[in-house]
Amino acid sequence: MARVILEIDTQLYRLLKLSAETNHLSLEEECCRRLAGAERQSRYLQALVAELRAEDEQRRENSR
């Protein structure tokens, strides 16, 4: 199994995680919600979403 390592700001990660839990969403869904909404567009969030999607796709392929 391939391993994906993300280097992210700890405070931002905690805030995103808390917001996702508050909104009953996954971390990826919360990032997408922020990217789609009135939140400030962030290259960081776009990169994080791309990494989360790649990890999810890899996990799906490995489970086949």
N, C-alpha and C. Protein backbone atom coordinates (compact mmCIF):
# COMPACT_ATOMS: atom_id res chain seq x y z
N MET A 1 0.84 -1.17 0.00
CA MET A 1 0.00 0.00 0.00
C MET A 1 0.89 1.24 0.00
N ALA A 2 0.59 2.17 -0.88
CA ALA A 2 1.35 3.42 -0.94
C ALA A 2 0.95 4.31 0.23
N ARG A 3 1.89 5.07 0.70
CA ARG A 3 1.65 5.95 1.84
C ARG A 3 1.68 7.40 1.35
N VAL A 4 0.68 8.17 1.75
CA VAL A 4 0.61 9.58 1.40
C VAL A 4 0.92 10.39 2.66
N ILE A 5 1.89 11.27 2.55
CA ILE A 5 2.26 12.10 3.69
C ILE A 5 1.98 13.56 3.33
N LEU A 6 1.17 14.19 4.14
CA LEU A 6 0.82 15.59 3.93
C LEU A 6 1.49 16.45 4.99
N GLU A 7 2.05 17.54 4.57
CA GLU A 7 2.57 18.52 5.52
C GLU A 7 1.58 19.67 5.54
N ILE A 8 0.86 19.80 6.66
CA ILE A 8 -0.15 20.84 6.76
C ILE A 8 0.03 21.61 8.06
N ASP A 9 -0.49 22.81 8.06
CA ASP A 9 -0.46 23.64 9.25
C ASP A 9 -1.37 23.00 10.30
N THR A 10 -0.83 22.74 11.47
CA THR A 10 -1.57 22.04 12.52
C THR A 10 -2.82 22.81 12.94
N GLN A 11 -2.70 24.11 13.10
CA GLN A 11 -3.84 24.91 13.52
C GLN A 11 -4.95 24.88 12.46
N LEU A 12 -4.57 25.03 11.19
CA LEU A 12 -5.56 24.99 10.12
C LEU A 12 -6.25 23.63 10.08
N TYR A 13 -5.46 22.56 10.23
CA TYR A 13 -6.04 21.22 10.21
C TYR A 13 -7.06 21.06 11.33
N ARG A 14 -6.70 21.52 12.53
CA ARG A 14 -7.63 21.41 13.67
C ARG A 14 -8.91 22.19 13.42
N LEU A 15 -8.77 23.40 12.86
CA LEU A 15 -9.95 24.21 12.57
C LEU A 15 -10.83 23.55 11.51
N LEU A 16 -10.21 23.01 10.47
CA LEU A 16 -10.98 22.32 9.43
C LEU A 16 -11.68 21.08 10.00
N LYS A 17 -10.96 20.32 10.81
CA LYS A 17 -11.52 19.11 11.41
C LYS A 17 -12.70 19.46 12.31
N LEU A 18 -12.54 20.48 13.14
CA LEU A 18 -13.61 20.90 14.04
C LEU A 18 -14.83 21.37 13.25
N SER A 19 -14.59 22.15 12.21
CA SER A 19 -15.68 22.63 11.37
C SER A 19 -16.39 21.47 10.68
N ALA A 20 -15.62 20.49 10.20
CA ALA A 20 -16.21 19.32 9.56
C ALA A 20 -17.09 18.55 10.54
N GLU A 21 -16.59 18.35 11.76
CA GLU A 21 -17.37 17.64 12.77
C GLU A 21 -18.64 18.41 13.13
N THR A 22 -18.51 19.73 13.28
CA THR A 22 -19.66 20.57 13.61
C THR A 22 -20.73 20.49 12.53
N ASN A 23 -20.29 20.43 11.28
CA ASN A 23 -21.23 20.38 10.15
C ASN A 23 -21.59 18.95 9.74
N HIS A 24 -21.12 17.96 10.51
CA HIS A 24 -21.37 16.55 10.22
C HIS A 24 -20.91 16.17 8.81
N LEU A 25 -19.69 16.59 8.48
CA LEU A 25 -19.11 16.33 7.17
C LEU A 25 -17.76 15.66 7.34
N SER A 26 -17.30 15.04 6.25
CA SER A 26 -15.93 14.54 6.25
C SER A 26 -15.00 15.73 6.04
N LEU A 27 -13.73 15.52 6.28
CA LEU A 27 -12.76 16.59 6.07
C LEU A 27 -12.77 17.04 4.61
N GLU A 28 -12.83 16.09 3.69
CA GLU A 28 -12.87 16.44 2.27
C GLU A 28 -14.12 17.26 1.95
N GLU A 29 -15.26 16.84 2.48
CA GLU A 29 -16.51 17.57 2.22
C GLU A 29 -16.44 19.00 2.76
N GLU A 30 -15.84 19.16 3.94
CA GLU A 30 -15.70 20.50 4.51
C GLU A 30 -14.81 21.37 3.65
N CYS A 31 -13.70 20.81 3.16
CA CYS A 31 -12.82 21.57 2.28
C CYS A 31 -13.56 21.97 1.01
N CYS A 32 -14.29 21.05 0.43
CA CYS A 32 -15.05 21.35 -0.79
C CYS A 32 -16.12 22.41 -0.52
N ARG A 33 -16.77 22.31 0.62
CA ARG A 33 -17.79 23.30 0.99
C ARG A 33 -17.17 24.69 1.04
N ARG A 34 -16.00 24.78 1.64
CA ARG A 34 -15.33 26.08 1.74
C ARG A 34 -14.88 26.58 0.38
N LEU A 35 -14.41 25.67 -0.45
CA LEU A 35 -13.98 26.08 -1.79
C LEU A 35 -15.16 26.54 -2.64
N ALA A 36 -16.31 25.92 -2.48
CA ALA A 36 -17.48 26.24 -3.29
C ALA A 36 -18.21 27.48 -2.78
N GLY A 37 -18.08 27.77 -1.49
CA GLY A 37 -18.84 28.85 -0.88
C GLY A 37 -18.16 30.19 -0.94
N ALA A 38 -18.59 31.05 -0.08
CA ALA A 38 -18.08 32.41 -0.02
C ALA A 38 -16.75 32.50 0.70
N GLU A 39 -16.24 31.39 1.19
CA GLU A 39 -14.96 31.39 1.88
C GLU A 39 -13.86 31.84 0.92
N ARG A 40 -12.82 32.38 1.44
CA ARG A 40 -11.68 32.82 0.62
C ARG A 40 -11.10 31.62 -0.13
N GLN A 41 -10.90 31.78 -1.42
CA GLN A 41 -10.32 30.70 -2.21
C GLN A 41 -8.88 30.47 -1.75
N SER A 42 -8.53 29.25 -1.55
CA SER A 42 -7.22 28.93 -1.01
C SER A 42 -6.56 27.83 -1.82
N ARG A 43 -5.36 28.10 -2.31
CA ARG A 43 -4.62 27.06 -3.02
C ARG A 43 -4.30 25.92 -2.08
N TYR A 44 -4.08 26.26 -0.83
CA TYR A 44 -3.79 25.24 0.18
C TYR A 44 -4.95 24.26 0.29
N LEU A 45 -6.17 24.77 0.40
CA LEU A 45 -7.33 23.89 0.50
C LEU A 45 -7.52 23.08 -0.78
N GLN A 46 -7.28 23.70 -1.92
CA GLN A 46 -7.41 22.97 -3.17
C GLN A 46 -6.41 21.82 -3.23
N ALA A 47 -5.19 22.05 -2.76
CA ALA A 47 -4.18 21.00 -2.74
C ALA A 47 -4.56 19.91 -1.76
N LEU A 48 -5.10 20.30 -0.60
CA LEU A 48 -5.52 19.33 0.40
C LEU A 48 -6.64 18.44 -0.14
N VAL A 49 -7.60 19.04 -0.81
CA VAL A 49 -8.70 18.26 -1.40
C VAL A 49 -8.16 17.29 -2.44
N ALA A 50 -7.23 17.74 -3.26
CA ALA A 50 -6.64 16.86 -4.27
C ALA A 50 -5.93 15.68 -3.61
N GLU A 51 -5.20 15.93 -2.53
CA GLU A 51 -4.51 14.86 -1.81
C GLU A 51 -5.51 13.89 -1.18
N LEU A 52 -6.57 14.42 -0.59
CA LEU A 52 -7.59 13.55 0.02
C LEU A 52 -8.27 12.68 -1.02
N ARG A 53 -8.55 13.24 -2.17
CA ARG A 53 -9.18 12.47 -3.26
C ARG A 53 -8.24 11.38 -3.76
N ALA A 54 -6.96 11.72 -3.91
CA ALA A 54 -5.99 10.73 -4.38
C ALA A 54 -5.86 9.60 -3.37
N GLU A 55 -5.84 9.94 -2.09
CA GLU A 55 -5.76 8.92 -1.05
C GLU A 55 -6.98 8.01 -1.08
N ASP A 56 -8.17 8.61 -1.24
CA ASP A 56 -9.40 7.84 -1.29
C ASP A 56 -9.43 6.92 -2.50
N GLU A 57 -9.00 7.44 -3.65
CA GLU A 57 -8.95 6.62 -4.86
C GLU A 57 -7.97 5.45 -4.69
N GLN A 58 -6.84 5.73 -4.09
CA GLN A 58 -5.84 4.68 -3.87
C GLN A 58 -6.40 3.60 -2.94
N ARG A 59 -7.09 4.02 -1.91
CA ARG A 59 -7.69 3.08 -0.97
C ARG A 59 -8.73 2.21 -1.69
N ARG A 60 -9.53 2.82 -2.57
CA ARG A 60 -10.53 2.06 -3.32
C ARG A 60 -9.89 1.03 -4.24
N GLU A 61 -8.82 1.44 -4.92
CA GLU A 61 -8.12 0.53 -5.82
C GLU A 61 -7.51 -0.65 -5.07
N ASN A 62 -6.97 -0.38 -3.92
CA ASN A 62 -6.35 -1.43 -3.11
C ASN A 62 -7.37 -2.41 -2.52
N SER A 63 -8.61 -1.93 -2.38
CA SER A 63 -9.63 -2.82 -1.81
C SER A 63 -10.30 -3.69 -2.85
N ARG A 64 -9.99 -3.47 -4.11
CA ARG A 64 -10.60 -4.27 -5.20
C ARG A 64 -9.94 -5.60 -5.33
